[in-house]
Amino acid sequence: MYAEKEVERIERAIFLKGTNSERADDIPLIIHWLQQMEIASIIDQELAPPHGNRKGLSYGQLAVLFLTYVVSQLAHSLAPVGGAGSLVNQTIDCVR
C-alpha cells in the first residue's frame, strides 16, 4: 500500500513538473492601488533623473514593480527579487 501511494505521488510530481501556475488575482489590484497613490510620480519627483545612458523604466516605475512584488508575495527580502519578473511573466503579458 505504501509503495502504491509513493508511485502515485511520484507520477503526480512528474505530471505537475511541466505545469506552470501563477497567483495573479492581486497583481492588477496592487498596481492600480499604487497608481492611484501616484507612487511613481512622487518618487520620480524626489529622485534626481538618471544619467543619459540609462534607458527603460523610471525609478518610480521600478519602485511600483518592486512594491507590487513585495505586497503580492508578502516578502521584503531583496534576494529573490532578481527572478521576480520571470515568476509572473504570463500575468504581465496578459495585463499589458
N, C-alpha and C. Protein backbone atom coordinates (compact mmCIF):
# COMPACT_ATOMS: atom_id res chain seq x y z
N MET A 1 0.82 -1.19 0.00
CA MET A 1 0.00 0.00 0.00
C MET A 1 0.87 1.26 0.00
N TYR A 2 1.91 1.28 0.81
CA TYR A 2 2.79 2.43 0.86
C TYR A 2 3.47 2.65 -0.48
N ALA A 3 3.92 1.55 -1.12
CA ALA A 3 4.60 1.65 -2.41
C ALA A 3 3.66 2.22 -3.47
N GLU A 4 2.40 1.82 -3.44
CA GLU A 4 1.43 2.34 -4.43
C GLU A 4 1.24 3.85 -4.25
N LYS A 5 1.13 4.29 -3.01
CA LYS A 5 0.96 5.72 -2.75
C LYS A 5 2.20 6.50 -3.16
N GLU A 6 3.36 5.91 -2.94
CA GLU A 6 4.61 6.57 -3.34
C GLU A 6 4.71 6.68 -4.86
N VAL A 7 4.31 5.65 -5.56
CA VAL A 7 4.30 5.68 -7.03
C VAL A 7 3.33 6.74 -7.52
N GLU A 8 2.15 6.82 -6.92
CA GLU A 8 1.18 7.85 -7.29
C GLU A 8 1.73 9.25 -7.04
N ARG A 9 2.41 9.42 -5.93
CA ARG A 9 2.99 10.73 -5.60
C ARG A 9 4.05 11.12 -6.61
N ILE A 10 4.90 10.18 -6.99
CA ILE A 10 5.95 10.45 -7.98
C ILE A 10 5.34 10.74 -9.34
N GLU A 11 4.34 9.96 -9.74
CA GLU A 11 3.68 10.21 -11.04
C GLU A 11 3.04 11.59 -11.05
N ARG A 12 2.42 11.96 -9.96
CA ARG A 12 1.80 13.29 -9.89
C ARG A 12 2.86 14.39 -9.95
N ALA A 13 3.97 14.19 -9.27
CA ALA A 13 5.05 15.18 -9.31
C ALA A 13 5.61 15.33 -10.72
N ILE A 14 5.76 14.22 -11.43
CA ILE A 14 6.25 14.28 -12.81
C ILE A 14 5.24 15.00 -13.69
N PHE A 15 3.96 14.71 -13.50
CA PHE A 15 2.91 15.38 -14.28
C PHE A 15 2.90 16.88 -14.02
N LEU A 16 3.02 17.27 -12.75
CA LEU A 16 2.95 18.68 -12.38
C LEU A 16 4.22 19.45 -12.70
N LYS A 17 5.31 18.75 -12.95
CA LYS A 17 6.57 19.42 -13.22
C LYS A 17 6.46 20.35 -14.42
N GLY A 18 5.72 19.96 -15.42
CA GLY A 18 5.55 20.79 -16.60
C GLY A 18 4.43 21.81 -16.46
N THR A 19 3.72 21.78 -15.36
CA THR A 19 2.61 22.70 -15.15
C THR A 19 3.13 24.00 -14.58
N ASN A 20 2.63 25.11 -15.13
CA ASN A 20 3.06 26.41 -14.65
C ASN A 20 1.82 27.17 -14.18
N SER A 21 1.80 27.51 -12.93
CA SER A 21 0.66 28.26 -12.42
C SER A 21 1.17 29.46 -11.63
N GLU A 22 0.42 30.54 -11.71
CA GLU A 22 0.76 31.76 -11.00
C GLU A 22 -0.48 32.27 -10.29
N ARG A 23 -0.28 32.83 -9.16
CA ARG A 23 -1.40 33.50 -8.49
C ARG A 23 -1.39 34.94 -9.00
N ALA A 24 -2.44 35.32 -9.68
CA ALA A 24 -2.45 36.61 -10.35
C ALA A 24 -3.59 37.51 -9.92
N ASP A 25 -4.37 37.08 -8.96
CA ASP A 25 -5.55 37.85 -8.61
C ASP A 25 -5.24 39.19 -7.95
N ASP A 26 -4.10 39.29 -7.31
CA ASP A 26 -3.81 40.52 -6.58
C ASP A 26 -2.94 41.51 -7.34
N ILE A 27 -2.22 41.08 -8.35
CA ILE A 27 -1.25 41.94 -9.04
C ILE A 27 -1.92 43.16 -9.69
N PRO A 28 -2.96 43.00 -10.53
CA PRO A 28 -3.58 44.19 -11.11
C PRO A 28 -4.16 45.13 -10.05
N LEU A 29 -4.70 44.58 -8.99
CA LEU A 29 -5.25 45.39 -7.91
C LEU A 29 -4.16 46.21 -7.22
N ILE A 30 -3.04 45.60 -6.94
CA ILE A 30 -1.93 46.29 -6.29
C ILE A 30 -1.39 47.39 -7.19
N ILE A 31 -1.20 47.08 -8.48
CA ILE A 31 -0.69 48.09 -9.42
C ILE A 31 -1.67 49.27 -9.49
N HIS A 32 -2.96 48.99 -9.59
CA HIS A 32 -3.96 50.05 -9.64
C HIS A 32 -3.92 50.90 -8.38
N TRP A 33 -3.81 50.27 -7.24
CA TRP A 33 -3.74 50.94 -5.95
C TRP A 33 -2.53 51.87 -5.89
N LEU A 34 -1.36 51.38 -6.34
CA LEU A 34 -0.14 52.20 -6.34
C LEU A 34 -0.24 53.34 -7.35
N GLN A 35 -0.91 53.11 -8.48
CA GLN A 35 -1.10 54.19 -9.45
C GLN A 35 -2.02 55.27 -8.89
N GLN A 36 -3.06 54.89 -8.19
CA GLN A 36 -3.96 55.87 -7.58
C GLN A 36 -3.22 56.71 -6.54
N MET A 37 -2.28 56.11 -5.85
CA MET A 37 -1.49 56.83 -4.85
C MET A 37 -0.39 57.67 -5.50
N GLU A 38 -0.20 57.53 -6.81
CA GLU A 38 0.81 58.26 -7.59
C GLU A 38 2.23 58.06 -7.04
N ILE A 39 2.51 56.84 -6.64
CA ILE A 39 3.82 56.50 -6.08
C ILE A 39 4.93 56.77 -7.09
N ALA A 40 4.73 56.37 -8.34
CA ALA A 40 5.78 56.53 -9.35
C ALA A 40 6.14 58.00 -9.54
N SER A 41 5.14 58.86 -9.66
CA SER A 41 5.44 60.28 -9.89
C SER A 41 6.07 60.93 -8.66
N ILE A 42 5.66 60.52 -7.47
CA ILE A 42 6.26 61.06 -6.24
C ILE A 42 7.74 60.70 -6.18
N ILE A 43 8.06 59.45 -6.46
CA ILE A 43 9.46 59.01 -6.41
C ILE A 43 10.26 59.69 -7.51
N ASP A 44 9.70 59.80 -8.71
CA ASP A 44 10.42 60.45 -9.81
C ASP A 44 10.67 61.93 -9.52
N GLN A 45 9.76 62.58 -8.80
CA GLN A 45 9.95 63.99 -8.44
C GLN A 45 11.05 64.16 -7.39
N GLU A 46 11.15 63.21 -6.48
CA GLU A 46 12.11 63.33 -5.38
C GLU A 46 13.53 62.91 -5.74
N LEU A 47 13.67 61.98 -6.66
CA LEU A 47 15.00 61.49 -7.04
C LEU A 47 15.51 62.25 -8.25
N ALA A 48 16.82 62.42 -8.29
CA ALA A 48 17.44 63.06 -9.45
C ALA A 48 17.27 62.15 -10.67
N PRO A 49 17.13 62.74 -11.85
CA PRO A 49 16.99 61.89 -13.04
C PRO A 49 18.24 61.05 -13.26
N PRO A 50 18.09 59.87 -13.82
CA PRO A 50 19.26 59.01 -14.07
C PRO A 50 20.14 59.62 -15.16
N HIS A 51 21.37 59.11 -15.25
CA HIS A 51 22.28 59.61 -16.27
C HIS A 51 21.75 59.29 -17.66
N GLY A 52 22.30 59.91 -18.67
CA GLY A 52 21.78 59.81 -20.03
C GLY A 52 21.85 58.44 -20.67
N ASN A 53 22.72 57.58 -20.19
CA ASN A 53 22.85 56.24 -20.79
C ASN A 53 21.79 55.27 -20.31
N ARG A 54 21.08 55.64 -19.28
CA ARG A 54 20.07 54.73 -18.72
C ARG A 54 18.78 54.84 -19.51
N LYS A 55 18.28 53.69 -19.92
CA LYS A 55 17.03 53.65 -20.67
C LYS A 55 16.10 52.65 -19.99
N GLY A 56 14.82 52.80 -20.25
CA GLY A 56 13.87 51.85 -19.68
C GLY A 56 12.97 52.50 -18.67
N LEU A 57 12.61 51.76 -17.65
CA LEU A 57 11.68 52.22 -16.63
C LEU A 57 12.31 53.31 -15.77
N SER A 58 11.48 54.25 -15.32
CA SER A 58 11.95 55.27 -14.39
C SER A 58 12.10 54.65 -13.00
N TYR A 59 12.71 55.43 -12.10
CA TYR A 59 12.86 54.94 -10.73
C TYR A 59 11.49 54.70 -10.09
N GLY A 60 10.54 55.57 -10.38
CA GLY A 60 9.20 55.41 -9.83
C GLY A 60 8.51 54.16 -10.34
N GLN A 61 8.67 53.89 -11.65
CA GLN A 61 8.07 52.68 -12.22
C GLN A 61 8.72 51.42 -11.63
N LEU A 62 10.04 51.47 -11.43
CA LEU A 62 10.72 50.34 -10.80
C LEU A 62 10.24 50.14 -9.37
N ALA A 63 10.00 51.24 -8.67
CA ALA A 63 9.51 51.15 -7.29
C ALA A 63 8.12 50.51 -7.27
N VAL A 64 7.27 50.89 -8.22
CA VAL A 64 5.93 50.28 -8.29
C VAL A 64 6.05 48.78 -8.54
N LEU A 65 6.95 48.39 -9.43
CA LEU A 65 7.17 46.97 -9.69
C LEU A 65 7.65 46.24 -8.44
N PHE A 66 8.62 46.83 -7.75
CA PHE A 66 9.15 46.21 -6.54
C PHE A 66 8.08 46.13 -5.44
N LEU A 67 7.35 47.22 -5.23
CA LEU A 67 6.30 47.21 -4.21
C LEU A 67 5.20 46.21 -4.54
N THR A 68 4.87 46.09 -5.82
CA THR A 68 3.88 45.09 -6.22
C THR A 68 4.36 43.69 -5.86
N TYR A 69 5.63 43.42 -6.12
CA TYR A 69 6.19 42.11 -5.77
C TYR A 69 6.15 41.89 -4.26
N VAL A 70 6.59 42.90 -3.51
CA VAL A 70 6.65 42.76 -2.05
C VAL A 70 5.26 42.50 -1.47
N VAL A 71 4.29 43.30 -1.89
CA VAL A 71 2.94 43.14 -1.33
C VAL A 71 2.31 41.83 -1.80
N SER A 72 2.53 41.48 -3.06
CA SER A 72 1.94 40.25 -3.60
C SER A 72 2.52 39.00 -2.96
N GLN A 73 3.81 38.97 -2.79
CA GLN A 73 4.48 37.79 -2.27
C GLN A 73 4.61 37.80 -0.75
N LEU A 74 4.28 38.94 -0.13
CA LEU A 74 4.44 39.11 1.32
C LEU A 74 5.86 38.80 1.75
N ALA A 75 6.82 39.27 0.92
CA ALA A 75 8.23 39.06 1.21
C ALA A 75 8.97 40.36 0.94
N HIS A 76 9.82 40.77 1.87
CA HIS A 76 10.53 42.02 1.69
C HIS A 76 12.03 41.82 1.46
N SER A 77 12.47 40.61 1.32
CA SER A 77 13.88 40.33 1.09
C SER A 77 14.25 40.69 -0.34
N LEU A 78 15.39 41.31 -0.53
CA LEU A 78 15.84 41.69 -1.87
C LEU A 78 16.38 40.50 -2.65
N ALA A 79 16.80 39.45 -1.99
CA ALA A 79 17.45 38.34 -2.67
C ALA A 79 16.60 37.70 -3.77
N PRO A 80 15.33 37.35 -3.54
CA PRO A 80 14.59 36.67 -4.59
C PRO A 80 14.00 37.59 -5.66
N VAL A 81 14.18 38.90 -5.52
CA VAL A 81 13.56 39.83 -6.46
C VAL A 81 14.16 39.69 -7.84
N GLY A 82 15.41 39.25 -7.95
CA GLY A 82 16.04 39.09 -9.25
C GLY A 82 15.24 38.24 -10.20
N GLY A 83 14.60 37.21 -9.72
CA GLY A 83 13.79 36.34 -10.56
C GLY A 83 12.31 36.65 -10.51
N ALA A 84 11.95 37.74 -9.89
CA ALA A 84 10.53 38.06 -9.73
C ALA A 84 9.84 38.25 -11.06
N GLY A 85 10.53 38.86 -12.00
CA GLY A 85 9.92 39.08 -13.30
C GLY A 85 9.57 37.79 -14.00
N SER A 86 10.41 36.80 -13.85
CA SER A 86 10.13 35.52 -14.51
C SER A 86 8.99 34.77 -13.83
N LEU A 87 8.71 35.10 -12.56
CA LEU A 87 7.63 34.41 -11.85
C LEU A 87 6.25 34.80 -12.36
N VAL A 88 6.12 36.01 -12.84
CA VAL A 88 4.81 36.50 -13.25
C VAL A 88 4.79 36.96 -14.71
N ASN A 89 5.64 36.38 -15.54
CA ASN A 89 5.68 36.77 -16.95
C ASN A 89 4.35 36.61 -17.63
N GLN A 90 3.66 35.49 -17.42
CA GLN A 90 2.37 35.27 -18.06
C GLN A 90 1.38 36.31 -17.60
N THR A 91 1.40 36.64 -16.35
CA THR A 91 0.47 37.63 -15.82
C THR A 91 0.72 39.00 -16.43
N ILE A 92 1.98 39.41 -16.46
CA ILE A 92 2.34 40.72 -17.01
C ILE A 92 1.95 40.79 -18.48
N ASP A 93 2.17 39.72 -19.23
CA ASP A 93 1.79 39.70 -20.64
C ASP A 93 0.28 39.87 -20.81
N CYS A 94 -0.49 39.29 -19.92
CA CYS A 94 -1.96 39.39 -20.02
C CYS A 94 -2.45 40.78 -19.63
N VAL A 95 -1.76 41.42 -18.69
CA VAL A 95 -2.19 42.74 -18.21
C VAL A 95 -1.89 43.82 -19.24
N ARG A 96 -0.82 43.65 -20.01
CA ARG A 96 -0.43 44.68 -21.00
C ARG A 96 -1.48 44.93 -21.99
